[in-house]
Amino acid sequence: ENDPLEGKYLTDSAVDCLEELRKVDPQYELSGQQGVWIVKASNSSKGVGIKLLDRLSNASDCRGAGRVVQKYLENPLLIAGRKFDVRCWVLVTSWNPLVVWFYQDCIIRLCADPWSLSHIGNRFAHLSNVSVNKAADTKANSSENQDARVKEGAFLQAHLAGLTGRASTWESEVLPKMKEVAVAALRAAQNEVRHRKGSFELYGFDIMLDDDLTPWLLEINLSPDLSHSTSVKSGIAERMVDSLLSIVVDLGLEAANRCQAVGPSGSPEEQQALLAPLRPASPWEGDGSRVREIGGEDGGGKE
């Protein structure tokens, strides 16, 4: 006969074990209940070759020499029942010292179909790439639907304010964490990149939020697509490129002269010490060795 006290002991022990695991595993919340994984081709783009798997062992069956295997986020924040991601633009004008510029405006890309883990083969519910979801549209309404699924950052800001009851959720809670993600990712590669003086690189960061508003980096895109595929993207891309040129052309020398180098051996604390904002002369706001926030449509940065 089963001893109820023994059963309670096992249950309590399991709960304690999971709590200890939560403390040491920064990706604990990604585990989910179904163990879904996502596999991408390492040299592809626009959603080509992406698959969702319900078993990690199946990743070896995917064709292709180079693959990226990631744990799928099973508790995404949804908007109107749909999954979305955030495309952010990040400019690097120096790797040593690390000088990063973060464009404040971003675009929100929604999936065409409602999100559900019951059908992991539905690309229109799980992949937010514009190139993927336009295949869900008919020729008659393709352009209209694409515009409806690509929103400005203000759309997400308003959604988060309504969700949390705090108007500053985006500015004070989510955006700072996204900047930290960008800096951490770039710092991880800082000693691996050969930087040429006077050069720069623009990256497209794709980030998702979970239902606790924690940002998770999906991928970093080299030479991100800036085509005017939707009206929202067209406006933001034009403003971003204009202000980018003002940084790399007009402010490049000034910014370089004002940045204090700590070198690749500098500790995170030393690099953080350089985060006091420089006063920008353009919409891009910056801090040597950290993140500079690029102003939005009004063209004004903020300190």
C-alpha atoms as a PDB file:
ATOM      1  CA  GLU A   1       0.000   0.000   0.000  1.00  0.00           C
ATOM      2  CA  ASN A   2       1.314   3.457  -0.911  1.00  0.00           C
ATOM      3  CA  ASP A   3       2.443   5.655   1.957  1.00  0.00           C
ATOM      4  CA  PRO A   4       0.951   9.177   1.507  1.00  0.00           C
ATOM      5  CA  LEU A   5       3.793  10.662   3.547  1.00  0.00           C
ATOM      6  CA  GLU A   6       6.338   9.110   1.208  1.00  0.00           C
ATOM      7  CA  GLY A   7       4.485  10.547  -1.780  1.00  0.00           C
ATOM      8  CA  LYS A   8       4.475  14.008  -0.214  1.00  0.00           C
ATOM      9  CA  TYR A   9       8.204  13.713   0.507  1.00  0.00           C
ATOM     10  CA  LEU A  10       8.940  12.863  -3.121  1.00  0.00           C
ATOM     11  CA  THR A  11       6.782  15.738  -4.343  1.00  0.00           C
ATOM     12  CA  ASP A  12       8.425  18.238  -1.988  1.00  0.00           C
ATOM     13  CA  SER A  13      11.882  16.963  -2.972  1.00  0.00           C
ATOM     14  CA  ALA A  14      11.080  17.397  -6.658  1.00  0.00           C
ATOM     15  CA  VAL A  15       9.847  20.958  -6.071  1.00  0.00           C
ATOM     16  CA  ASP A  16      12.984  21.818  -4.089  1.00  0.00           C
ATOM     17  CA  CYS A  17      15.178  20.344  -6.837  1.00  0.00           C
ATOM     18  CA  LEU A  18      13.449  22.438  -9.500  1.00  0.00           C
ATOM     19  CA  GLU A  19      13.826  25.588  -7.407  1.00  0.00           C
ATOM     20  CA  GLU A  20      17.556  24.952  -7.046  1.00  0.00           C
ATOM     21  CA  LEU A  21      17.813  24.380 -10.785  1.00  0.00           C
ATOM     22  CA  ARG A  22      15.995  27.657 -11.400  1.00  0.00           C
ATOM     23  CA  LYS A  23      18.659  29.513  -9.380  1.00  0.00           C
ATOM     24  CA  VAL A  24      21.594  28.246 -11.457  1.00  0.00           C
ATOM     25  CA  ASP A  25      20.045  27.932 -14.932  1.00  0.00           C
ATOM     26  CA  PRO A  26      19.509  31.355 -16.577  1.00  0.00           C
ATOM     27  CA  GLN A  27      17.398  29.697 -19.282  1.00  0.00           C
ATOM     28  CA  TYR A  28      15.248  27.683 -16.904  1.00  0.00           C
ATOM     29  CA  GLU A  29      12.060  29.425 -18.006  1.00  0.00           C
ATOM     30  CA  LEU A  30      12.713  28.363 -21.604  1.00  0.00           C
ATOM     31  CA  SER A  31      12.299  24.698 -20.775  1.00  0.00           C
ATOM     32  CA  GLY A  32       8.526  24.698 -21.088  1.00  0.00           C
ATOM     33  CA  GLN A  33       6.355  21.598 -20.911  1.00  0.00           C
ATOM     34  CA  GLN A  34       6.718  20.126 -24.389  1.00  0.00           C
ATOM     35  CA  GLY A  35      10.440  20.347 -25.064  1.00  0.00           C
ATOM     36  CA  VAL A  36      10.121  22.085 -28.441  1.00  0.00           C
ATOM     37  CA  TRP A  37      13.307  23.013 -30.312  1.00  0.00           C
ATOM     38  CA  ILE A  38      13.921  25.160 -33.385  1.00  0.00           C
ATOM     39  CA  VAL A  39      16.510  24.369 -36.059  1.00  0.00           C
ATOM     40  CA  LYS A  40      17.867  26.934 -38.525  1.00  0.00           C
ATOM     41  CA  ALA A  41      20.318  26.774 -41.374  1.00  0.00           C
ATOM     42  CA  SER A  42      23.458  28.653 -40.326  1.00  0.00           C
ATOM     43  CA  ASN A  43      23.853  30.448 -43.666  1.00  0.00           C
ATOM     44  CA  SER A  44      20.250  31.217 -44.592  1.00  0.00           C
ATOM     45  CA  SER A  45      17.787  34.052 -44.067  1.00  0.00           C
ATOM     46  CA  LYS A  46      14.118  35.060 -44.415  1.00  0.00           C
ATOM     47  CA  GLY A  47      12.928  31.958 -42.600  1.00  0.00           C
ATOM     48  CA  VAL A  48      14.277  29.520 -45.173  1.00  0.00           C
ATOM     49  CA  GLY A  49      14.978  26.066 -43.751  1.00  0.00           C
ATOM     50  CA  ILE A  50      13.598  26.728 -40.258  1.00  0.00           C
ATOM     51  CA  LYS A  51      11.879  23.788 -38.560  1.00  0.00           C
ATOM     52  CA  LEU A  52      10.315  23.165 -35.159  1.00  0.00           C
ATOM     53  CA  LEU A  53      11.012  19.820 -33.502  1.00  0.00           C
ATOM     54  CA  ASP A  54       9.354  18.160 -30.520  1.00  0.00           C
ATOM     55  CA  ARG A  55      12.460  16.094 -29.828  1.00  0.00           C
ATOM     56  CA  LEU A  56      16.051  17.314 -29.769  1.00  0.00           C
ATOM     57  CA  SER A  57      17.233  13.966 -31.118  1.00  0.00           C
ATOM     58  CA  ASN A  58      15.413  14.722 -34.384  1.00  0.00           C
ATOM     59  CA  ALA A  59      17.792  17.615 -35.081  1.00  0.00           C
ATOM     60  CA  SER A  60      20.315  15.157 -36.480  1.00  0.00           C
ATOM     61  CA  ASP A  61      17.817  14.227 -39.203  1.00  0.00           C
ATOM     62  CA  CYS A  62      17.732  17.779 -40.607  1.00  0.00           C
ATOM     63  CA  ARG A  63      19.683  18.171 -43.803  1.00  0.00           C
ATOM     64  CA  GLY A  64      22.462  20.693 -44.209  1.00  0.00           C
ATOM     65  CA  ALA A  65      26.039  20.883 -43.052  1.00  0.00           C
ATOM     66  CA  GLY A  66      25.658  23.906 -40.800  1.00  0.00           C
ATOM     67  CA  ARG A  67      22.728  24.214 -38.423  1.00  0.00           C
ATOM     68  CA  VAL A  68      21.824  26.320 -35.414  1.00  0.00           C
ATOM     69  CA  VAL A  69      19.733  24.515 -32.799  1.00  0.00           C
ATOM     70  CA  GLN A  70      17.940  26.623 -30.194  1.00  0.00           C
ATOM     71  CA  LYS A  71      15.474  25.949 -27.412  1.00  0.00           C
ATOM     72  CA  TYR A  72      12.105  27.224 -28.564  1.00  0.00           C
ATOM     73  CA  LEU A  73      10.463  29.809 -26.313  1.00  0.00           C
ATOM     74  CA  GLU A  74       7.297  28.046 -25.154  1.00  0.00           C
ATOM     75  CA  ASN A  75       5.873  30.931 -23.125  1.00  0.00           C
ATOM     76  CA  PRO A  76       5.989  33.901 -25.523  1.00  0.00           C
ATOM     77  CA  LEU A  77       4.195  37.149 -24.862  1.00  0.00           C
ATOM     78  CA  LEU A  78       1.294  37.320 -27.302  1.00  0.00           C
ATOM     79  CA  ILE A  79      -0.550  40.196 -28.907  1.00  0.00           C
ATOM     80  CA  ALA A  80      -4.133  39.353 -29.893  1.00  0.00           C
ATOM     81  CA  GLY A  81      -3.196  35.688 -29.523  1.00  0.00           C
ATOM     82  CA  ARG A  82      -0.302  35.973 -31.950  1.00  0.00           C
ATOM     83  CA  LYS A  83       3.407  35.544 -31.503  1.00  0.00           C
ATOM     84  CA  PHE A  84       5.686  38.428 -32.461  1.00  0.00           C
ATOM     85  CA  ASP A  85       9.302  39.502 -32.404  1.00  0.00           C
ATOM     86  CA  VAL A  86      11.047  42.855 -32.209  1.00  0.00           C
ATOM     87  CA  ARG A  87      13.569  43.919 -34.844  1.00  0.00           C
ATOM     88  CA  CYS A  88      16.099  46.374 -33.386  1.00  0.00           C
ATOM     89  CA  TRP A  89      18.937  48.057 -35.225  1.00  0.00           C
ATOM     90  CA  VAL A  90      22.316  48.283 -33.530  1.00  0.00           C
ATOM     91  CA  LEU A  91      25.313  50.158 -34.904  1.00  0.00           C
ATOM     92  CA  VAL A  92      28.909  49.375 -33.918  1.00  0.00           C
ATOM     93  CA  THR A  93      31.442  52.069 -34.737  1.00  0.00           C
ATOM     94  CA  SER A  94      34.327  50.607 -32.743  1.00  0.00           C
ATOM     95  CA  TRP A  95      35.171  47.217 -31.257  1.00  0.00           C
ATOM     96  CA  ASN A  96      38.053  48.274 -29.047  1.00  0.00           C
ATOM     97  CA  PRO A  97      36.859  50.159 -27.154  1.00  0.00           C
ATOM     98  CA  LEU A  98      33.393  48.805 -27.832  1.00  0.00           C
ATOM     99  CA  VAL A  99      31.114  51.636 -28.994  1.00  0.00           C
ATOM    100  CA  VAL A 100      27.497  50.639 -29.573  1.00  0.00           C
ATOM    101  CA  TRP A 101      24.571  52.726 -30.802  1.00  0.00           C
ATOM    102  CA  PHE A 102      21.012  51.509 -30.277  1.00  0.00           C
ATOM    103  CA  TYR A 103      18.229  52.849 -32.494  1.00  0.00           C
ATOM    104  CA  GLN A 104      15.261  53.705 -30.313  1.00  0.00           C
ATOM    105  CA  ASP A 105      12.611  52.992 -32.937  1.00  0.00           C
ATOM    106  CA  CYS A 106      11.981  49.353 -33.789  1.00  0.00           C
ATOM    107  CA  ILE A 107       9.455  47.294 -35.687  1.00  0.00           C
ATOM    108  CA  ILE A 108       7.101  44.652 -34.317  1.00  0.00           C
ATOM    109  CA  ARG A 109       6.447  41.674 -36.603  1.00  0.00           C
ATOM    110  CA  LEU A 110       3.341  39.603 -35.881  1.00  0.00           C
ATOM    111  CA  CYS A 111       2.585  36.112 -37.116  1.00  0.00           C
ATOM    112  CA  ALA A 112      -0.315  35.597 -39.497  1.00  0.00           C
ATOM    113  CA  ASP A 113      -1.957  32.783 -37.502  1.00  0.00           C
ATOM    114  CA  PRO A 114      -2.804  32.457 -33.786  1.00  0.00           C
ATOM    115  CA  TRP A 115      -0.070  30.848 -31.703  1.00  0.00           C
ATOM    116  CA  SER A 116      -0.438  27.283 -30.472  1.00  0.00           C
ATOM    117  CA  LEU A 117       1.973  24.485 -29.626  1.00  0.00           C
ATOM    118  CA  SER A 118      -0.592  21.961 -30.803  1.00  0.00           C
ATOM    119  CA  HIS A 119       0.570  22.420 -34.391  1.00  0.00           C
ATOM    120  CA  ILE A 120       4.296  23.105 -34.423  1.00  0.00           C
ATOM    121  CA  GLY A 121       4.380  22.576 -38.184  1.00  0.00           C
ATOM    122  CA  ASN A 122       2.368  25.759 -38.822  1.00  0.00           C
ATOM    123  CA  ARG A 123       5.050  28.231 -39.921  1.00  0.00           C
ATOM    124  CA  PHE A 124       2.517  31.092 -40.012  1.00  0.00           C
ATOM    125  CA  ALA A 125       1.951  30.700 -36.253  1.00  0.00           C
ATOM    126  CA  HIS A 126       5.549  30.212 -35.122  1.00  0.00           C
ATOM    127  CA  LEU A 127       7.772  32.229 -37.488  1.00  0.00           C
ATOM    128  CA  SER A 128       7.338  36.001 -37.518  1.00  0.00           C
ATOM    129  CA  ASN A 129       9.508  36.639 -40.586  1.00  0.00           C
ATOM    130  CA  VAL A 130       7.692  38.918 -43.030  1.00  0.00           C
ATOM    131  CA  SER A 131       8.936  36.783 -45.925  1.00  0.00           C
ATOM    132  CA  VAL A 132       7.328  33.699 -44.384  1.00  0.00           C
ATOM    133  CA  ASN A 133       3.978  35.210 -43.443  1.00  0.00           C
ATOM    134  CA  LYS A 134       3.323  36.921 -46.746  1.00  0.00           C
ATOM    135  CA  ALA A 135       2.843  33.423 -48.173  1.00  0.00           C
ATOM    136  CA  ALA A 136      -0.280  33.182 -46.001  1.00  0.00           C
ATOM    137  CA  ASP A 137      -1.913  36.026 -47.935  1.00  0.00           C
ATOM    138  CA  THR A 138      -3.807  36.037 -51.183  1.00  0.00           C
ATOM    139  CA  LYS A 139      -2.647  38.318 -53.962  1.00  0.00           C
ATOM    140  CA  ALA A 140      -5.663  40.552 -53.368  1.00  0.00           C
ATOM    141  CA  ASN A 141      -4.892  41.395 -49.757  1.00  0.00           C
ATOM    142  CA  SER A 142      -1.155  40.693 -49.478  1.00  0.00           C
ATOM    143  CA  SER A 143       0.039  44.290 -49.146  1.00  0.00           C
ATOM    144  CA  GLU A 144      -2.759  45.257 -46.743  1.00  0.00           C
ATOM    145  CA  ASN A 145      -2.131  42.265 -44.473  1.00  0.00           C
ATOM    146  CA  GLN A 146       1.621  42.779 -44.388  1.00  0.00           C
ATOM    147  CA  ASP A 147       1.108  46.364 -43.246  1.00  0.00           C
ATOM    148  CA  ALA A 148      -1.273  45.143 -40.532  1.00  0.00           C
ATOM    149  CA  ARG A 149       1.313  42.685 -39.200  1.00  0.00           C
ATOM    150  CA  VAL A 150       4.271  45.100 -39.054  1.00  0.00           C
ATOM    151  CA  LYS A 151       3.904  47.744 -36.357  1.00  0.00           C
ATOM    152  CA  GLU A 152       6.002  50.544 -34.900  1.00  0.00           C
ATOM    153  CA  GLY A 153       7.531  50.265 -31.454  1.00  0.00           C
ATOM    154  CA  ALA A 154       4.832  52.597 -30.105  1.00  0.00           C
ATOM    155  CA  PHE A 155       2.318  49.818 -30.754  1.00  0.00           C
ATOM    156  CA  LEU A 156       4.150  47.478 -28.373  1.00  0.00           C
ATOM    157  CA  GLN A 157       4.673  50.313 -25.901  1.00  0.00           C
ATOM    158  CA  ALA A 158       0.917  50.901 -25.744  1.00  0.00           C
ATOM    159  CA  HIS A 159       0.234  47.162 -25.453  1.00  0.00           C
ATOM    160  CA  LEU A 160       2.626  46.790 -22.518  1.00  0.00           C
ATOM    161  CA  ALA A 161       1.145  49.833 -20.798  1.00  0.00           C
ATOM    162  CA  GLY A 162      -2.323  48.314 -21.036  1.00  0.00           C
ATOM    163  CA  LEU A 163      -1.060  44.913 -19.931  1.00  0.00           C
ATOM    164  CA  THR A 164       0.810  46.111 -16.849  1.00  0.00           C
ATOM    165  CA  GLY A 165      -1.070  49.289 -15.993  1.00  0.00           C
ATOM    166  CA  ARG A 166       2.238  51.195 -16.100  1.00  0.00           C
ATOM    167  CA  ALA A 167       2.822  53.663 -18.904  1.00  0.00           C
ATOM    168  CA  SER A 168       6.596  53.458 -18.464  1.00  0.00           C
ATOM    169  CA  THR A 169       6.915  49.669 -18.802  1.00  0.00           C
ATOM    170  CA  TRP A 170       8.584  49.857 -22.216  1.00  0.00           C
ATOM    171  CA  GLU A 171      10.916  52.755 -21.443  1.00  0.00           C
ATOM    172  CA  SER A 172      11.928  51.807 -17.905  1.00  0.00           C
ATOM    173  CA  GLU A 173      11.710  47.999 -17.851  1.00  0.00           C
ATOM    174  CA  VAL A 174      11.814  46.332 -21.271  1.00  0.00           C
ATOM    175  CA  LEU A 175      13.996  48.637 -23.388  1.00  0.00           C
ATOM    176  CA  PRO A 176      16.894  48.767 -20.867  1.00  0.00           C
ATOM    177  CA  LYS A 177      16.965  44.958 -20.761  1.00  0.00           C
ATOM    178  CA  MET A 178      17.032  44.791 -24.546  1.00  0.00           C
ATOM    179  CA  LYS A 179      20.016  47.136 -24.572  1.00  0.00           C
ATOM    180  CA  GLU A 180      21.768  44.904 -22.049  1.00  0.00           C
ATOM    181  CA  VAL A 181      21.152  41.923 -24.330  1.00  0.00           C
ATOM    182  CA  ALA A 182      22.672  43.779 -27.278  1.00  0.00           C
ATOM    183  CA  VAL A 183      25.762  44.850 -25.354  1.00  0.00           C
ATOM    184  CA  ALA A 184      26.302  41.400 -23.840  1.00  0.00           C
ATOM    185  CA  ALA A 185      26.097  39.728 -27.250  1.00  0.00           C
ATOM    186  CA  LEU A 186      28.544  42.165 -28.833  1.00  0.00           C
ATOM    187  CA  ARG A 187      30.903  42.040 -25.878  1.00  0.00           C
ATOM    188  CA  ALA A 188      31.022  38.246 -26.232  1.00  0.00           C
ATOM    189  CA  ALA A 189      32.440  38.696 -29.737  1.00  0.00           C
ATOM    190  CA  GLN A 190      34.550  41.750 -28.995  1.00  0.00           C
ATOM    191  CA  ASN A 191      37.894  39.936 -29.036  1.00  0.00           C
ATOM    192  CA  GLU A 192      37.023  37.856 -32.095  1.00  0.00           C
ATOM    193  CA  VAL A 193      36.240  40.672 -34.526  1.00  0.00           C
ATOM    194  CA  ARG A 194      39.004  42.339 -36.500  1.00  0.00           C
ATOM    195  CA  HIS A 195      38.036  45.987 -36.574  1.00  0.00           C
ATOM    196  CA  ARG A 196      39.283  48.443 -39.169  1.00  0.00           C
ATOM    197  CA  LYS A 197      39.577  52.028 -38.028  1.00  0.00           C
ATOM    198  CA  GLY A 198      36.985  54.280 -39.629  1.00  0.00           C
ATOM    199  CA  SER A 199      34.607  51.405 -40.423  1.00  0.00           C
ATOM    200  CA  PHE A 200      31.214  50.542 -38.959  1.00  0.00           C
ATOM    201  CA  GLU A 201      28.668  47.748 -39.024  1.00  0.00           C
ATOM    202  CA  LEU A 202      24.878  47.774 -38.729  1.00  0.00           C
ATOM    203  CA  TYR A 203      23.219  44.712 -37.204  1.00  0.00           C
ATOM    204  CA  GLY A 204      19.605  43.620 -37.003  1.00  0.00           C
ATOM    205  CA  PHE A 205      18.806  42.140 -33.579  1.00  0.00           C
ATOM    206  CA  ASP A 206      15.707  39.949 -33.391  1.00  0.00           C
ATOM    207  CA  ILE A 207      14.367  39.731 -29.847  1.00  0.00           C
ATOM    208  CA  MET A 208      11.334  38.043 -28.301  1.00  0.00           C
ATOM    209  CA  LEU A 209       9.608  38.736 -24.999  1.00  0.00           C
ATOM    210  CA  ASP A 210       8.300  35.975 -22.769  1.00  0.00           C
ATOM    211  CA  ASP A 211       5.156  36.292 -20.689  1.00  0.00           C
ATOM    212  CA  ASP A 212       7.243  37.787 -17.844  1.00  0.00           C
ATOM    213  CA  LEU A 213       8.504  40.517 -20.237  1.00  0.00           C
ATOM    214  CA  THR A 214      12.021  39.076 -20.257  1.00  0.00           C
ATOM    215  CA  PRO A 215      13.774  39.694 -23.608  1.00  0.00           C
ATOM    216  CA  TRP A 216      15.440  36.738 -25.339  1.00  0.00           C
ATOM    217  CA  LEU A 217      17.832  37.100 -28.252  1.00  0.00           C
ATOM    218  CA  LEU A 218      16.786  35.030 -31.262  1.00  0.00           C
ATOM    219  CA  GLU A 219      19.514  35.985 -33.694  1.00  0.00           C
ATOM    220  CA  ILE A 220      21.732  38.780 -34.962  1.00  0.00           C
ATOM    221  CA  ASN A 221      21.518  39.591 -38.653  1.00  0.00           C
ATOM    222  CA  LEU A 222      24.482  40.871 -40.612  1.00  0.00           C
ATOM    223  CA  SER A 223      23.498  43.388 -43.308  1.00  0.00           C
ATOM    224  CA  PRO A 224      19.836  43.481 -42.208  1.00  0.00           C
ATOM    225  CA  ASP A 225      17.188  43.964 -44.856  1.00  0.00           C
ATOM    226  CA  LEU A 226      16.163  47.615 -45.157  1.00  0.00           C
ATOM    227  CA  SER A 227      13.837  47.250 -48.124  1.00  0.00           C
ATOM    228  CA  HIS A 228      10.577  49.182 -47.982  1.00  0.00           C
ATOM    229  CA  SER A 229       8.432  46.056 -47.751  1.00  0.00           C
ATOM    230  CA  THR A 230       5.778  47.756 -45.593  1.00  0.00           C
ATOM    231  CA  SER A 231       4.802  51.363 -44.975  1.00  0.00           C
ATOM    232  CA  VAL A 232       5.948  51.201 -41.327  1.00  0.00           C
ATOM    233  CA  LYS A 233       9.316  49.719 -42.177  1.00  0.00           C
ATOM    234  CA  SER A 234       9.787  52.223 -44.993  1.00  0.00           C
ATOM    235  CA  GLY A 235       9.415  55.220 -42.683  1.00  0.00           C
ATOM    236  CA  ILE A 236      11.575  53.855 -39.883  1.00  0.00           C
ATOM    237  CA  ALA A 237      14.318  52.638 -42.230  1.00  0.00           C
ATOM    238  CA  GLU A 238      14.601  56.028 -43.911  1.00  0.00           C
ATOM    239  CA  ARG A 239      14.906  57.870 -40.614  1.00  0.00           C
ATOM    240  CA  MET A 240      17.351  55.330 -39.248  1.00  0.00           C
ATOM    241  CA  VAL A 241      19.660  55.488 -42.269  1.00  0.00           C
ATOM    242  CA  ASP A 242      19.637  59.301 -42.240  1.00  0.00           C
ATOM    243  CA  SER A 243      20.667  59.403 -38.593  1.00  0.00           C
ATOM    244  CA  LEU A 244      23.172  56.575 -39.079  1.00  0.00           C
ATOM    245  CA  LEU A 245      24.986  58.627 -41.703  1.00  0.00           C
ATOM    246  CA  SER A 246      25.102  61.592 -39.358  1.00  0.00           C
ATOM    247  CA  ILE A 247      26.868  59.355 -36.842  1.00  0.00           C
ATOM    248  CA  VAL A 248      29.427  57.658 -39.043  1.00  0.00           C
ATOM    249  CA  VAL A 249      30.191  60.753 -41.141  1.00  0.00           C
ATOM    250  CA  ASP A 250      29.618  63.808 -38.979  1.00  0.00           C
ATOM    251  CA  LEU A 251      30.255  62.451 -35.495  1.00  0.00           C
ATOM    252  CA  GLY A 252      32.687  59.630 -36.177  1.00  0.00           C
ATOM    253  CA  LEU A 253      35.846  61.532 -35.377  1.00  0.00           C
ATOM    254  CA  GLU A 254      34.336  63.391 -32.427  1.00  0.00           C
ATOM    255  CA  ALA A 255      32.969  60.193 -30.890  1.00  0.00           C
ATOM    256  CA  ALA A 256      36.289  58.413 -31.316  1.00  0.00           C
ATOM    257  CA  ASN A 257      38.160  61.228 -29.618  1.00  0.00           C
ATOM    258  CA  ARG A 258      35.788  61.262 -26.659  1.00  0.00           C
ATOM    259  CA  CYS A 259      35.763  57.526 -25.965  1.00  0.00           C
ATOM    260  CA  GLN A 260      38.123  56.285 -23.291  1.00  0.00           C
ATOM    261  CA  ALA A 261      39.657  52.930 -24.246  1.00  0.00           C
ATOM    262  CA  VAL A 262      39.819  50.114 -21.721  1.00  0.00           C
ATOM    263  CA  GLY A 263      40.978  47.465 -24.169  1.00  0.00           C
ATOM    264  CA  PRO A 264      39.770  43.902 -24.596  1.00  0.00           C
ATOM    265  CA  SER A 265      41.122  43.027 -21.140  1.00  0.00           C
ATOM    266  CA  GLY A 266      38.935  45.596 -19.450  1.00  0.00           C
ATOM    267  CA  SER A 267      36.583  44.109 -16.898  1.00  0.00           C
ATOM    268  CA  PRO A 268      32.792  44.524 -17.232  1.00  0.00           C
ATOM    269  CA  GLU A 269      33.006  46.990 -14.333  1.00  0.00           C
ATOM    270  CA  GLU A 270      35.593  49.078 -16.187  1.00  0.00           C
ATOM    271  CA  GLN A 271      33.489  49.046 -19.331  1.00  0.00           C
ATOM    272  CA  GLN A 272      30.368  49.908 -17.360  1.00  0.00           C
ATOM    273  CA  ALA A 273      32.226  52.883 -15.905  1.00  0.00           C
ATOM    274  CA  LEU A 274      32.270  54.353 -19.398  1.00  0.00           C
ATOM    275  CA  LEU A 275      28.515  54.318 -19.685  1.00  0.00           C
ATOM    276  CA  ALA A 276      27.948  57.940 -18.679  1.00  0.00           C
ATOM    277  CA  PRO A 277      26.238  59.340 -21.773  1.00  0.00           C
ATOM    278  CA  LEU A 278      28.077  61.653 -24.114  1.00  0.00           C
ATOM    279  CA  ARG A 279      25.963  64.578 -25.185  1.00  0.00           C
ATOM    280  CA  PRO A 280      24.859  63.686 -28.715  1.00  0.00           C
ATOM    281  CA  ALA A 281      24.757  66.129 -31.597  1.00  0.00           C
ATOM    282  CA  SER A 282      22.362  63.919 -33.548  1.00  0.00           C
ATOM    283  CA  PRO A 283      19.368  61.646 -32.971  1.00  0.00           C
ATOM    284  CA  TRP A 284      21.700  58.784 -32.026  1.00  0.00           C
ATOM    285  CA  GLU A 285      22.489  58.919 -28.346  1.00  0.00           C
ATOM    286  CA  GLY A 286      25.556  57.108 -27.159  1.00  0.00           C
ATOM    287  CA  ASP A 287      27.906  56.021 -24.474  1.00  0.00           C
ATOM    288  CA  GLY A 288      31.402  54.766 -25.087  1.00  0.00           C
ATOM    289  CA  SER A 289      31.629  50.990 -24.605  1.00  0.00           C
ATOM    290  CA  ARG A 290      27.910  50.683 -23.995  1.00  0.00           C
ATOM    291  CA  VAL A 291      24.671  51.549 -25.710  1.00  0.00           C
ATOM    292  CA  ARG A 292      23.724  54.844 -27.231  1.00  0.00           C
ATOM    293  CA  GLU A 293      20.066  55.324 -27.865  1.00  0.00           C
ATOM    294  CA  ILE A 294      19.119  56.685 -31.258  1.00  0.00           C
ATOM    295  CA  GLY A 295      16.236  59.072 -31.237  1.00  0.00           C
ATOM    296  CA  GLY A 296      12.949  58.273 -32.870  1.00  0.00           C
ATOM    297  CA  GLU A 297      10.770  60.149 -35.306  1.00  0.00           C
ATOM    298  CA  ASP A 298      11.175  63.462 -33.556  1.00  0.00           C
ATOM    299  CA  GLY A 299      14.901  63.300 -34.250  1.00  0.00           C
ATOM    300  CA  GLY A 300      15.907  63.967 -30.680  1.00  0.00           C
ATOM    301  CA  GLY A 301      18.066  61.808 -28.498  1.00  0.00           C
ATOM    302  CA  LYS A 302      17.727  61.744 -24.761  1.00  0.00           C
ATOM    303  CA  GLU A 303      20.168  61.428 -21.911  1.00  0.00           C
END
